[in-house]
Protein backbone atom coordinates (compact mmCIF):
# COMPACT_ATOMS: atom_id res chain seq x y z
CA MET A 1 0.00 0.00 0.00
CA ALA A 2 1.54 3.28 -1.07
CA VAL A 3 0.83 6.68 0.45
CA SER A 4 0.07 9.37 -2.10
CA ASP A 5 0.40 13.13 -1.77
CA ASP A 6 -3.40 13.29 -1.58
CA ASP A 7 -3.33 10.87 1.38
CA VAL A 8 -0.87 13.14 3.18
CA ARG A 9 -3.06 16.19 2.49
CA HIS A 10 -6.14 14.31 3.73
CA VAL A 11 -4.51 13.15 6.98
CA ALA A 12 -3.05 16.61 7.55
CA ALA A 13 -6.50 18.12 7.12
CA LEU A 14 -8.01 15.62 9.57
CA ALA A 15 -5.30 16.44 12.11
CA ARG A 16 -5.65 20.15 11.31
CA LEU A 17 -1.98 20.43 10.46
CA GLY A 18 -0.74 23.17 8.23
CA LEU A 19 1.74 21.71 5.75
CA GLU A 20 3.83 23.62 3.32
CA PRO A 21 3.27 22.33 -0.24
CA ASP A 22 6.94 21.42 -0.74
CA ARG A 23 6.88 19.15 2.35
CA ILE A 24 3.92 17.02 1.23
CA HIS A 25 5.92 14.96 -1.28
CA LEU A 26 8.75 14.46 1.25
CA LEU A 27 6.31 13.22 3.90
CA ALA A 28 4.68 10.83 1.44
CA ALA A 29 8.12 9.41 0.57
CA GLU A 30 9.00 9.05 4.26
CA LEU A 31 5.72 7.27 5.04
CA ASN A 32 6.22 4.95 2.08
CA GLY A 33 9.69 4.11 3.42
CA ILE A 34 8.20 3.23 6.80
CA LEU A 35 5.54 1.04 5.16
CA ALA A 36 8.21 -0.71 3.08
CA HIS A 37 10.09 -1.50 6.27
CA MET A 38 6.90 -2.90 7.81
CA ASP A 39 6.48 -5.14 4.74
CA VAL A 40 9.99 -6.53 5.32
CA LEU A 41 9.16 -7.23 8.97
CA ALA A 42 5.85 -8.85 8.03
CA ALA A 43 7.68 -11.24 5.69
CA VAL A 44 9.81 -12.71 8.52
CA GLU A 45 8.80 -16.30 9.35
CA THR A 46 7.65 -16.37 12.98
CA SER A 47 5.25 -19.33 13.06
CA GLY A 48 7.79 -21.60 14.80
CA ILE A 49 8.47 -19.19 17.65
CA ASP A 50 6.72 -19.72 20.98
CA LEU A 51 6.12 -16.21 22.25
CA HIS A 52 5.63 -17.40 25.82
CA ALA A 53 8.73 -19.58 26.09
CA ARG A 54 11.70 -18.40 28.09
CA ALA A 55 14.67 -19.91 29.85
CA GLU A 56 14.24 -20.92 33.49
CA GLY A 57 15.01 -18.06 35.83
CA GLU A 58 15.22 -15.58 33.00
CA GLY A 59 13.55 -12.28 33.53
CA MET A 60 14.08 -8.85 34.87
CA PRO A 61 16.16 -8.96 38.04
CA LEU A 62 14.40 -7.34 40.95
CA ARG A 63 16.03 -5.14 43.53
CA ALA A 64 15.07 -4.95 47.14
CA ASP A 65 12.40 -2.38 47.84
CA ALA A 66 14.40 -0.56 50.44
CA GLY A 67 15.70 2.89 50.96
CA ALA A 68 15.57 5.79 53.29
CA THR A 69 12.47 7.91 53.24
CA VAL A 70 12.91 11.44 52.00
CA PRO A 71 11.95 13.95 54.67
CA LEU A 72 9.35 16.55 53.75
CA ALA A 73 10.26 20.23 53.80
CA ARG A 74 7.07 20.96 55.79
CA PRO A 75 5.09 18.85 58.22
CA ARG A 76 2.35 16.68 56.69
CA GLU A 77 -0.31 18.60 58.56
CA SER A 78 0.45 21.71 56.51
CA PHE A 79 -0.77 20.05 53.28
CA ALA A 80 -4.45 19.80 54.24
CA PRO A 81 -6.90 22.02 56.09
CA GLU A 82 -7.53 19.35 58.75
CA MET A 83 -6.24 15.92 59.83
CA ARG A 84 -7.79 13.15 61.92
CA ASP A 85 -6.06 9.94 63.02
CA GLY A 86 -3.23 10.52 60.55
CA PHE A 87 -5.57 11.01 57.56
CA PHE A 88 -6.11 14.17 55.54
CA LEU A 89 -9.63 15.58 55.79
CA VAL A 90 -10.65 17.52 52.73
CA PRO A 91 -13.83 19.44 51.98
CA ARG A 92 -16.62 17.38 50.47
CA LEU A 93 -17.29 17.87 46.78
CA SER A 94 -20.75 19.09 45.93
CA THR A 95 -22.98 16.62 44.15
CA HIS A 96 -26.15 16.88 42.14
CA GLU A 97 -28.07 16.18 45.36
CA ASP A 98 -26.63 19.37 46.87
CA ALA A 99 -27.71 21.53 43.95
CA PRO A 100 -30.71 23.78 44.50
CA GLU A 101 -33.89 22.62 42.79
CA GLU A 102 -35.15 24.69 39.89
CA SER A 103 -38.78 25.68 39.92
């Protein structure tokens, strides 16, 4: 599938991009190059590859979840209007039930 200059103009219009006329042909050529590369990748034989197979113990090594806590510049209590039992209390958001009824 080849990308034409008209395709580039159409996509640019959909995305509301302003393109200079001399760039349209260059973008079409670049997109065609990308599609040609995708065709090469699509031609690679992968039917014999088990995507879920891996060597025993292989995987991302994990580090210990440890480290010193970073002290805050201000006490936690200064971040909220009120605290209770170590929790921040914040004002309740209004809901449709709180709205005045229209008559």
